[in-house]
C-alpha atoms as a PDB file:
ATOM      1  CA  MET A   1      17.863  -9.805 -46.477  1.00  0.00           C
ATOM      2  CA  SER A   2      18.291  -6.666 -44.696  1.00  0.00           C
ATOM      3  CA  VAL A   3      16.120  -4.307 -43.658  1.00  0.00           C
ATOM      4  CA  SER A   4      17.006  -0.314 -43.223  1.00  0.00           C
ATOM      5  CA  ILE A   5      15.163   2.677 -41.639  1.00  0.00           C
ATOM      6  CA  GLU A   6      15.568   6.160 -42.194  1.00  0.00           C
ATOM      7  CA  THR A   7      16.024   7.982 -38.930  1.00  0.00           C
ATOM      8  CA  THR A   8      15.027  10.959 -40.666  1.00  0.00           C
ATOM      9  CA  GLN A   9      11.508   9.499 -40.696  1.00  0.00           C
ATOM     10  CA  VAL A  10      11.612   8.661 -36.653  1.00  0.00           C
ATOM     11  CA  PRO A  11       9.728  12.027 -34.867  1.00  0.00           C
ATOM     12  CA  THR A  12      12.283  12.886 -32.217  1.00  0.00           C
ATOM     13  CA  ALA A  13      11.251  13.371 -28.712  1.00  0.00           C
ATOM     14  CA  PRO A  14      10.976  16.339 -27.290  1.00  0.00           C
ATOM     15  CA  MET A  15      14.055  16.985 -24.956  1.00  0.00           C
ATOM     16  CA  THR A  16      13.301  18.391 -21.232  1.00  0.00           C
ATOM     17  CA  SER A  17      15.954  20.281 -19.268  1.00  0.00           C
ATOM     18  CA  GLN A  18      17.669  18.335 -16.766  1.00  0.00           C
ATOM     19  CA  PRO A  19      19.523  19.945 -13.675  1.00  0.00           C
ATOM     20  CA  VAL A  20      23.073  19.230 -13.779  1.00  0.00           C
ATOM     21  CA  LEU A  21      24.125  17.987 -10.270  1.00  0.00           C
ATOM     22  CA  LEU A  22      27.958  16.995 -10.946  1.00  0.00           C
ATOM     23  CA  GLY A  23      28.512  20.884 -10.100  1.00  0.00           C
ATOM     24  CA  GLN A  24      26.998  20.608  -6.440  1.00  0.00           C
ATOM     25  CA  GLN A  25      28.633  20.415  -3.542  1.00  0.00           C
ATOM     26  CA  ALA A  26      26.333  17.590  -2.173  1.00  0.00           C
ATOM     27  CA  ARG A  27      26.230  14.131  -4.087  1.00  0.00           C
ATOM     28  CA  MET A  28      23.117  12.317  -4.732  1.00  0.00           C
ATOM     29  CA  PRO A  29      20.782  14.691  -2.529  1.00  0.00           C
ATOM     30  CA  GLU A  30      18.177  12.157  -3.200  1.00  0.00           C
ATOM     31  CA  PHE A  31      19.576   9.493  -0.763  1.00  0.00           C
ATOM     32  CA  SER A  32      19.291  12.279   1.876  1.00  0.00           C
ATOM     33  CA  LEU A  33      17.114  12.305   5.158  1.00  0.00           C
ATOM     34  CA  ALA A  34      17.473  15.636   6.766  1.00  0.00           C
ATOM     35  CA  GLY A  35      14.969  17.334   8.793  1.00  0.00           C
ATOM     36  CA  LYS A  36      12.921  13.839   8.636  1.00  0.00           C
ATOM     37  CA  VAL A  37      12.027  11.831  11.547  1.00  0.00           C
ATOM     38  CA  VAL A  38      11.974   8.047  11.264  1.00  0.00           C
ATOM     39  CA  LEU A  39      10.623   5.337  14.050  1.00  0.00           C
ATOM     40  CA  VAL A  40      13.011   2.140  14.080  1.00  0.00           C
ATOM     41  CA  SER A  41      11.427  -1.061  15.872  1.00  0.00           C
ATOM     42  CA  GLY A  42      13.592  -3.179  17.167  1.00  0.00           C
ATOM     43  CA  ALA A  43      16.534  -0.814  17.225  1.00  0.00           C
ATOM     44  CA  GLY A  44      17.448  -1.501  20.528  1.00  0.00           C
ATOM     45  CA  ARG A  45      20.600  -3.691  19.384  1.00  0.00           C
ATOM     46  CA  GLY A  46      20.837  -5.894  16.006  1.00  0.00           C
ATOM     47  CA  LEU A  47      20.049  -4.824  12.752  1.00  0.00           C
ATOM     48  CA  GLY A  48      17.581  -2.411  13.956  1.00  0.00           C
ATOM     49  CA  LEU A  49      20.305  -0.399  15.742  1.00  0.00           C
ATOM     50  CA  THR A  50      22.370  -1.027  12.941  1.00  0.00           C
ATOM     51  CA  GLN A  51      20.038   0.293  10.404  1.00  0.00           C
ATOM     52  CA  SER A  52      19.400   3.516  12.944  1.00  0.00           C
ATOM     53  CA  GLU A  53      22.982   4.040  12.754  1.00  0.00           C
ATOM     54  CA  ALA A  54      22.405   4.747   8.680  1.00  0.00           C
ATOM     55  CA  LEU A  55      19.520   6.552   8.756  1.00  0.00           C
ATOM     56  CA  LEU A  56      21.472   9.027  11.446  1.00  0.00           C
ATOM     57  CA  GLU A  57      24.335   9.154   8.955  1.00  0.00           C
ATOM     58  CA  ALA A  58      21.703   9.994   6.473  1.00  0.00           C
ATOM     59  CA  GLY A  59      20.869  12.899   8.387  1.00  0.00           C
ATOM     60  CA  ALA A  60      17.291  11.635   9.655  1.00  0.00           C
ATOM     61  CA  LYS A  61      16.219  12.150  13.429  1.00  0.00           C
ATOM     62  CA  VAL A  62      15.495   8.788  14.847  1.00  0.00           C
ATOM     63  CA  TYR A  63      13.712   7.287  17.265  1.00  0.00           C
ATOM     64  CA  ALA A  64      14.359   3.843  18.573  1.00  0.00           C
ATOM     65  CA  LEU A  65      11.475   1.434  19.798  1.00  0.00           C
ATOM     66  CA  ASP A  66      12.126  -1.713  22.051  1.00  0.00           C
ATOM     67  CA  ARG A  67      11.107  -3.763  24.702  1.00  0.00           C
ATOM     68  CA  LEU A  68      14.171  -3.865  26.172  1.00  0.00           C
ATOM     69  CA  GLU A  69      14.555  -2.039  29.782  1.00  0.00           C
ATOM     70  CA  GLU A  70      18.041  -0.752  28.411  1.00  0.00           C
ATOM     71  CA  PRO A  71      19.241  -0.744  24.924  1.00  0.00           C
ATOM     72  CA  ALA A  72      22.746  -1.916  24.065  1.00  0.00           C
ATOM     73  CA  PRO A  73      25.667  -0.377  24.822  1.00  0.00           C
ATOM     74  CA  GLU A  74      26.496   0.537  21.777  1.00  0.00           C
ATOM     75  CA  PHE A  75      23.109   2.761  21.617  1.00  0.00           C
ATOM     76  CA  TYR A  76      24.558   5.036  23.920  1.00  0.00           C
ATOM     77  CA  GLU A  77      27.875   5.658  21.844  1.00  0.00           C
ATOM     78  CA  LEU A  78      25.407   5.740  18.861  1.00  0.00           C
ATOM     79  CA  GLN A  79      23.377   8.557  20.493  1.00  0.00           C
ATOM     80  CA  GLN A  80      26.730  10.379  21.197  1.00  0.00           C
ATOM     81  CA  ARG A  81      27.790  10.130  17.757  1.00  0.00           C
ATOM     82  CA  ALA A  82      24.473  11.141  16.514  1.00  0.00           C
ATOM     83  CA  LYS A  83      24.644  14.621  17.845  1.00  0.00           C
ATOM     84  CA  GLU A  84      28.041  14.972  16.434  1.00  0.00           C
ATOM     85  CA  LEU A  85      26.235  14.265  13.164  1.00  0.00           C
ATOM     86  CA  GLY A  86      24.074  16.930  13.875  1.00  0.00           C
ATOM     87  CA  THR A  87      20.814  15.281  14.388  1.00  0.00           C
ATOM     88  CA  GLU A  88      19.342  13.286  17.430  1.00  0.00           C
ATOM     89  CA  LEU A  89      18.883   9.429  18.487  1.00  0.00           C
ATOM     90  CA  HIS A  90      16.039   8.893  21.278  1.00  0.00           C
ATOM     91  CA  TYR A  91      15.147   5.693  23.071  1.00  0.00           C
ATOM     92  CA  ARG A  92      11.194   4.306  23.695  1.00  0.00           C
ATOM     93  CA  ARG A  93      11.221   1.463  25.271  1.00  0.00           C
ATOM     94  CA  ILE A  94       7.721  -0.291  23.959  1.00  0.00           C
ATOM     95  CA  ASP A  95       6.850  -3.934  23.396  1.00  0.00           C
ATOM     96  CA  VAL A  96       4.857  -3.637  19.818  1.00  0.00           C
ATOM     97  CA  ARG A  97       2.013  -6.245  20.890  1.00  0.00           C
ATOM     98  CA  ASP A  98       0.989  -3.366  23.486  1.00  0.00           C
ATOM     99  CA  THR A  99      -1.475  -1.392  20.867  1.00  0.00           C
ATOM    100  CA  GLU A 100      -2.545   1.270  23.186  1.00  0.00           C
ATOM    101  CA  LEU A 101       0.691   2.142  24.597  1.00  0.00           C
ATOM    102  CA  LEU A 102       2.225   1.757  20.693  1.00  0.00           C
ATOM    103  CA  ASN A 103      -0.599   4.560  19.608  1.00  0.00           C
ATOM    104  CA  SER A 104      -0.091   6.895  22.402  1.00  0.00           C
ATOM    105  CA  VAL A 105       3.819   6.553  21.890  1.00  0.00           C
ATOM    106  CA  ILE A 106       4.116   7.239  18.195  1.00  0.00           C
ATOM    107  CA  GLU A 107       1.697   9.561  18.451  1.00  0.00           C
ATOM    108  CA  GLY A 108       3.576  11.705  21.431  1.00  0.00           C
ATOM    109  CA  ILE A 109       6.718  11.598  19.096  1.00  0.00           C
ATOM    110  CA  ALA A 110       4.510  12.981  15.998  1.00  0.00           C
ATOM    111  CA  GLN A 111       3.192  15.579  18.239  1.00  0.00           C
ATOM    112  CA  VAL A 112       6.472  16.998  19.742  1.00  0.00           C
ATOM    113  CA  GLU A 113       8.135  16.670  16.074  1.00  0.00           C
ATOM    114  CA  GLY A 114       5.366  18.043  14.319  1.00  0.00           C
ATOM    115  CA  ARG A 115       5.723  15.455  11.538  1.00  0.00           C
ATOM    116  CA  MET A 116       6.264  11.573  10.436  1.00  0.00           C
ATOM    117  CA  ASP A 117       8.485  10.813   7.625  1.00  0.00           C
ATOM    118  CA  GLY A 118       9.476   6.831   8.292  1.00  0.00           C
ATOM    119  CA  LEU A 119       9.373   3.708   9.736  1.00  0.00           C
ATOM    120  CA  VAL A 120      11.646   0.838   9.667  1.00  0.00           C
ATOM    121  CA  ALA A 121       9.915  -2.179  11.074  1.00  0.00           C
ATOM    122  CA  ALA A 122      12.669  -4.695  12.599  1.00  0.00           C
ATOM    123  CA  ALA A 123      10.798  -5.812  15.961  1.00  0.00           C
ATOM    124  CA  GLY A 124      10.523  -9.684  15.329  1.00  0.00           C
ATOM    125  CA  ILE A 125      11.315 -12.851  17.358  1.00  0.00           C
ATOM    126  CA  GLN A 126      12.673 -16.554  16.066  1.00  0.00           C
ATOM    127  CA  GLN A 127      11.972 -20.232  17.593  1.00  0.00           C
ATOM    128  CA  GLU A 128      13.128 -23.371  16.201  1.00  0.00           C
ATOM    129  CA  THR A 129      10.707 -26.054  17.068  1.00  0.00           C
ATOM    130  CA  PRO A 130       9.744 -28.716  14.439  1.00  0.00           C
ATOM    131  CA  ALA A 131       5.964 -28.420  13.832  1.00  0.00           C
ATOM    132  CA  LEU A 132       4.462 -31.188  15.121  1.00  0.00           C
ATOM    133  CA  GLU A 133       5.949 -29.795  18.597  1.00  0.00           C
ATOM    134  CA  TYR A 134       4.847 -26.761  18.255  1.00  0.00           C
ATOM    135  CA  SER A 135       2.623 -25.208  20.770  1.00  0.00           C
ATOM    136  CA  ALA A 136      -0.508 -23.248  19.760  1.00  0.00           C
ATOM    137  CA  LYS A 137       0.865 -20.985  22.610  1.00  0.00           C
ATOM    138  CA  ASP A 138       4.050 -20.509  20.610  1.00  0.00           C
ATOM    139  CA  SER A 139       2.744 -19.961  17.446  1.00  0.00           C
ATOM    140  CA  ASN A 140       0.620 -17.232  18.516  1.00  0.00           C
ATOM    141  CA  THR A 141       3.386 -15.439  20.178  1.00  0.00           C
ATOM    142  CA  MET A 142       4.987 -15.971  17.148  1.00  0.00           C
ATOM    143  CA  PHE A 143       2.287 -13.960  15.133  1.00  0.00           C
ATOM    144  CA  GLU A 144       1.659 -11.833  17.610  1.00  0.00           C
ATOM    145  CA  VAL A 145       5.033 -10.280  17.073  1.00  0.00           C
ATOM    146  CA  ASN A 146       6.324 -10.818  13.463  1.00  0.00           C
ATOM    147  CA  VAL A 147       2.548  -9.911  12.003  1.00  0.00           C
ATOM    148  CA  THR A 148       0.709  -8.479  14.065  1.00  0.00           C
ATOM    149  CA  GLY A 149       3.114  -6.247  15.566  1.00  0.00           C
ATOM    150  CA  VAL A 150       4.819  -5.110  12.720  1.00  0.00           C
ATOM    151  CA  PHE A 151       1.154  -4.199  11.286  1.00  0.00           C
ATOM    152  CA  MET A 152       0.330  -2.122  14.413  1.00  0.00           C
ATOM    153  CA  THR A 153       3.426  -0.058  13.955  1.00  0.00           C
ATOM    154  CA  ALA A 154       2.831   0.199  10.662  1.00  0.00           C
ATOM    155  CA  GLN A 155      -0.857   1.849  10.905  1.00  0.00           C
ATOM    156  CA  ALA A 156       0.230   3.890  13.685  1.00  0.00           C
ATOM    157  CA  VAL A 157       2.686   5.674  11.844  1.00  0.00           C
ATOM    158  CA  ALA A 158       0.522   6.044   9.226  1.00  0.00           C
ATOM    159  CA  LYS A 159      -2.100   7.399  11.041  1.00  0.00           C
ATOM    160  CA  GLN A 160       0.464  10.168  11.602  1.00  0.00           C
ATOM    161  CA  MET A 161       1.987  10.635   8.170  1.00  0.00           C
ATOM    162  CA  ILE A 162      -1.598  10.973   7.232  1.00  0.00           C
ATOM    163  CA  ARG A 163      -2.289  13.840   9.985  1.00  0.00           C
ATOM    164  CA  PHE A 164       0.360  15.575   8.819  1.00  0.00           C
ATOM    165  CA  GLY A 165       0.067  15.351   5.599  1.00  0.00           C
ATOM    166  CA  ASN A 166       3.434  14.779   3.976  1.00  0.00           C
ATOM    167  CA  GLY A 167       3.393  11.102   3.092  1.00  0.00           C
ATOM    168  CA  GLY A 168       6.376   9.011   3.869  1.00  0.00           C
ATOM    169  CA  SER A 169       7.884   5.561   3.687  1.00  0.00           C
ATOM    170  CA  ILE A 170       7.665   2.146   5.426  1.00  0.00           C
ATOM    171  CA  ALA A 171      10.225  -0.214   5.201  1.00  0.00           C
ATOM    172  CA  MET A 172       9.310  -3.553   7.219  1.00  0.00           C
ATOM    173  CA  ILE A 173      11.900  -5.944   7.929  1.00  0.00           C
ATOM    174  CA  ALA A 174      11.066  -9.772   6.227  1.00  0.00           C
ATOM    175  CA  SER A 175      13.676 -12.461   5.092  1.00  0.00           C
ATOM    176  CA  MET A 176      14.393 -14.544   2.207  1.00  0.00           C
ATOM    177  CA  SER A 177      12.553 -17.467   4.345  1.00  0.00           C
ATOM    178  CA  GLY A 178       9.290 -15.816   3.820  1.00  0.00           C
ATOM    179  CA  THR A 179      10.082 -16.960   0.119  1.00  0.00           C
ATOM    180  CA  ILE A 180      12.039 -20.293   0.987  1.00  0.00           C
ATOM    181  CA  ALA A 181      11.985 -23.360   2.884  1.00  0.00           C
ATOM    182  CA  ASN A 182      15.234 -23.290   4.869  1.00  0.00           C
ATOM    183  CA  ARG A 183      17.132 -26.385   4.606  1.00  0.00           C
ATOM    184  CA  GLY A 184      18.093 -28.049   7.931  1.00  0.00           C
ATOM    185  CA  LEU A 185      16.560 -25.203   9.564  1.00  0.00           C
ATOM    186  CA  ILE A 186      12.881 -25.851  11.022  1.00  0.00           C
ATOM    187  CA  CYS A 187      11.053 -22.700  11.960  1.00  0.00           C
ATOM    188  CA  PRO A 188       7.807 -22.928  10.412  1.00  0.00           C
ATOM    189  CA  ALA A 189       6.344 -20.361  12.258  1.00  0.00           C
ATOM    190  CA  TYR A 190       8.625 -17.946  12.198  1.00  0.00           C
ATOM    191  CA  ASN A 191       8.791 -18.807   8.208  1.00  0.00           C
ATOM    192  CA  ALA A 192       4.973 -18.306   8.027  1.00  0.00           C
ATOM    193  CA  SER A 193       5.130 -15.319   9.860  1.00  0.00           C
ATOM    194  CA  LYS A 194       7.235 -13.273   7.667  1.00  0.00           C
ATOM    195  CA  ALA A 195       5.949 -14.546   4.293  1.00  0.00           C
ATOM    196  CA  ALA A 196       2.205 -12.520   6.060  1.00  0.00           C
ATOM    197  CA  VAL A 197       4.992  -9.384   6.505  1.00  0.00           C
ATOM    198  CA  ILE A 198       5.912  -9.689   2.470  1.00  0.00           C
ATOM    199  CA  GLN A 199       2.060  -9.890   1.814  1.00  0.00           C
ATOM    200  CA  LEU A 200       1.125  -7.176   4.291  1.00  0.00           C
ATOM    201  CA  GLY A 201       3.866  -4.598   2.969  1.00  0.00           C
ATOM    202  CA  ARG A 202       2.090  -5.273  -0.473  1.00  0.00           C
ATOM    203  CA  ASN A 203      -1.343  -4.535   0.507  1.00  0.00           C
ATOM    204  CA  LEU A 204      -0.789  -1.524   2.727  1.00  0.00           C
ATOM    205  CA  ALA A 205       1.346  -0.354  -0.005  1.00  0.00           C
ATOM    206  CA  ALA A 206      -1.810  -0.617  -2.159  1.00  0.00           C
ATOM    207  CA  GLU A 207      -4.506   1.167   0.586  1.00  0.00           C
ATOM    208  CA  TRP A 208      -1.958   4.198   1.891  1.00  0.00           C
ATOM    209  CA  GLY A 209      -0.430   5.108  -1.971  1.00  0.00           C
ATOM    210  CA  GLN A 210      -3.339   7.412  -2.193  1.00  0.00           C
ATOM    211  CA  TYR A 211      -1.756   9.209   1.010  1.00  0.00           C
ATOM    212  CA  ASN A 212       1.662   8.997  -0.677  1.00  0.00           C
ATOM    213  CA  ILE A 213       3.064   6.332   1.637  1.00  0.00           C
ATOM    214  CA  ARG A 214       5.467   4.044   0.179  1.00  0.00           C
ATOM    215  CA  VAL A 215       5.199   0.759   1.678  1.00  0.00           C
ATOM    216  CA  ASN A 216       7.953  -1.983   0.752  1.00  0.00           C
ATOM    217  CA  THR A 217       9.766  -5.267   2.716  1.00  0.00           C
ATOM    218  CA  ILE A 218      13.417  -6.121   3.258  1.00  0.00           C
ATOM    219  CA  SER A 219      14.163  -9.821   3.145  1.00  0.00           C
ATOM    220  CA  PRO A 220      17.566 -10.343   4.458  1.00  0.00           C
ATOM    221  CA  GLY A 221      19.406 -13.741   3.909  1.00  0.00           C
ATOM    222  CA  TYR A 222      21.615 -15.602   6.631  1.00  0.00           C
ATOM    223  CA  ILE A 223      23.344 -12.365   8.983  1.00  0.00           C
ATOM    224  CA  VAL A 224      26.195 -13.199  11.543  1.00  0.00           C
ATOM    225  CA  THR A 225      24.662 -11.651  14.403  1.00  0.00           C
ATOM    226  CA  ALA A 226      25.723 -12.856  18.365  1.00  0.00           C
ATOM    227  CA  MET A 227      22.437 -14.977  18.767  1.00  0.00           C
ATOM    228  CA  VAL A 228      23.858 -16.666  15.348  1.00  0.00           C
ATOM    229  CA  GLU A 229      27.514 -17.241  16.393  1.00  0.00           C
ATOM    230  CA  LYS A 230      25.718 -19.007  19.788  1.00  0.00           C
ATOM    231  CA  LEU A 231      23.690 -21.536  17.328  1.00  0.00           C
ATOM    232  CA  PHE A 232      27.164 -21.964  15.854  1.00  0.00           C
ATOM    233  CA  VAL A 233      27.997 -23.768  19.224  1.00  0.00           C
ATOM    234  CA  GLU A 234      25.065 -25.916  19.461  1.00  0.00           C
ATOM    235  CA  PHE A 235      25.049 -26.450  16.080  1.00  0.00           C
ATOM    236  CA  PRO A 236      28.940 -26.268  14.362  1.00  0.00           C
ATOM    237  CA  GLU A 237      27.931 -28.118  10.990  1.00  0.00           C
ATOM    238  CA  ARG A 238      25.503 -25.001  10.094  1.00  0.00           C
ATOM    239  CA  ARG A 239      28.502 -22.502  10.082  1.00  0.00           C
ATOM    240  CA  ASP A 240      30.327 -24.890   7.103  1.00  0.00           C
ATOM    241  CA  GLN A 241      27.063 -25.789   5.525  1.00  0.00           C
ATOM    242  CA  TRP A 242      24.723 -21.801   5.323  1.00  0.00           C
ATOM    243  CA  PRO A 243      27.526 -20.168   3.343  1.00  0.00           C
ATOM    244  CA  LYS A 244      27.321 -22.963   0.680  1.00  0.00           C
ATOM    245  CA  GLU A 245      23.475 -22.336   0.123  1.00  0.00           C
ATOM    246  CA  ASN A 246      24.080 -19.040  -1.868  1.00  0.00           C
ATOM    247  CA  MET A 247      25.675 -17.641  -4.827  1.00  0.00           C
ATOM    248  CA  LEU A 248      28.647 -15.796  -2.563  1.00  0.00           C
ATOM    249  CA  GLY A 249      29.846 -18.184  -0.580  1.00  0.00           C
ATOM    250  CA  ARG A 250      29.307 -16.680   2.990  1.00  0.00           C
ATOM    251  CA  LEU A 251      26.905 -15.363   5.245  1.00  0.00           C
ATOM    252  CA  SER A 252      26.065 -11.585   5.367  1.00  0.00           C
ATOM    253  CA  ARG A 253      26.899  -9.103   7.978  1.00  0.00           C
ATOM    254  CA  PRO A 254      24.407  -6.462   9.595  1.00  0.00           C
ATOM    255  CA  GLU A 255      26.379  -3.419   8.090  1.00  0.00           C
ATOM    256  CA  GLU A 256      25.654  -4.932   4.741  1.00  0.00           C
ATOM    257  CA  TYR A 257      21.683  -3.707   5.072  1.00  0.00           C
ATOM    258  CA  ARG A 258      22.449   0.216   5.915  1.00  0.00           C
ATOM    259  CA  GLY A 259      22.268   0.790   2.394  1.00  0.00           C
ATOM    260  CA  ALA A 260      18.560  -0.520   2.105  1.00  0.00           C
ATOM    261  CA  ALA A 261      16.893   1.294   4.851  1.00  0.00           C
ATOM    262  CA  VAL A 262      18.540   4.544   3.287  1.00  0.00           C
ATOM    263  CA  PHE A 263      17.355   3.935  -0.029  1.00  0.00           C
ATOM    264  CA  LEU A 264      13.853   2.658   0.632  1.00  0.00           C
ATOM    265  CA  LEU A 265      13.177   5.761   3.582  1.00  0.00           C
ATOM    266  CA  SER A 266      14.806   8.604   1.250  1.00  0.00           C
ATOM    267  CA  ASP A 267      13.555   9.779  -2.143  1.00  0.00           C
ATOM    268  CA  ALA A 268      15.997   7.539  -3.946  1.00  0.00           C
ATOM    269  CA  SER A 269      13.500   4.809  -3.944  1.00  0.00           C
ATOM    270  CA  SER A 270      10.360   7.302  -4.459  1.00  0.00           C
ATOM    271  CA  PHE A 271       8.647   5.233  -7.489  1.00  0.00           C
ATOM    272  CA  MET A 272       8.902   2.067  -5.132  1.00  0.00           C
ATOM    273  CA  THR A 273       6.129   0.466  -3.225  1.00  0.00           C
ATOM    274  CA  GLY A 274       4.889  -2.484  -2.409  1.00  0.00           C
ATOM    275  CA  SER A 275       8.396  -4.531  -3.568  1.00  0.00           C
ATOM    276  CA  ASP A 276      10.512  -7.095  -1.531  1.00  0.00           C
ATOM    277  CA  LEU A 277      13.926  -6.717  -1.580  1.00  0.00           C
ATOM    278  CA  ARG A 278      15.992  -9.572  -1.057  1.00  0.00           C
ATOM    279  CA  MET A 279      19.115  -9.737   0.132  1.00  0.00           C
ATOM    280  CA  ASP A 280      20.293 -13.189   0.479  1.00  0.00           C
ATOM    281  CA  GLY A 281      23.117 -13.848  -1.474  1.00  0.00           C
ATOM    282  CA  GLY A 282      21.343 -15.242  -4.405  1.00  0.00           C
ATOM    283  CA  HIS A 283      20.148 -18.292  -1.891  1.00  0.00           C
ATOM    284  CA  ALA A 284      16.890 -18.166  -3.068  1.00  0.00           C
ATOM    285  CA  ALA A 285      17.678 -17.680  -6.920  1.00  0.00           C
ATOM    286  CA  TRP A 286      19.025 -21.022  -7.453  1.00  0.00           C
END
């Protein structure tokens, strides 16, 4: 039996005129961060520095925060490139556990710039220790950096966003390990800390939405970094095993997360908050 519907009886929705963008010189302007001031914690090297590069290329002025006395040599190369891009990259040495200094530095940046638009909270630590051997001190340190440090950094930035009344976007680096238990990788405190970051993101999004502040998390899979390469020397079987645990059959590279940072901090994700952007090659989808 077939059923037909007379389309003439269905009222049509009113048409709204949409701007035609194909004739413009700029493409995908919603990804632009021109004129924005963005902070990236843990940006002295590694993933944080890589994401800083992407934010600079999108037009943002970036302040890198890290506890390193001096950032990696690549930082200074990127600082020069920022000038060529017509923007700026600055460095502020800080440990995210020093809440008083953290608030002072971030308030000072906002005061100088007259605004605060975004944060990528990438500062974090890792420790591989069996649960039965974990000390309370090591566990507390893990949570002080990975959870409280992220929380206090986001809080300090949100205060300035509210102060200037322009809203903003916060992206906090979590991990697929906040969702799964890693096979063969014994990191109970780290995994629990990243699960806390994901839940923290949801709750901050719920509280700060009224101020037009969006909060999301990024959950990377295994990333090939200098630290991971050293780990492969100690545990060579992981070089072969880890790629087999996701659907793409390989490990990720830091530069594969560049787009995620720009997406979450720009207007391209203007209706996205309280979400976790999991980028794990399908690891958690089996």
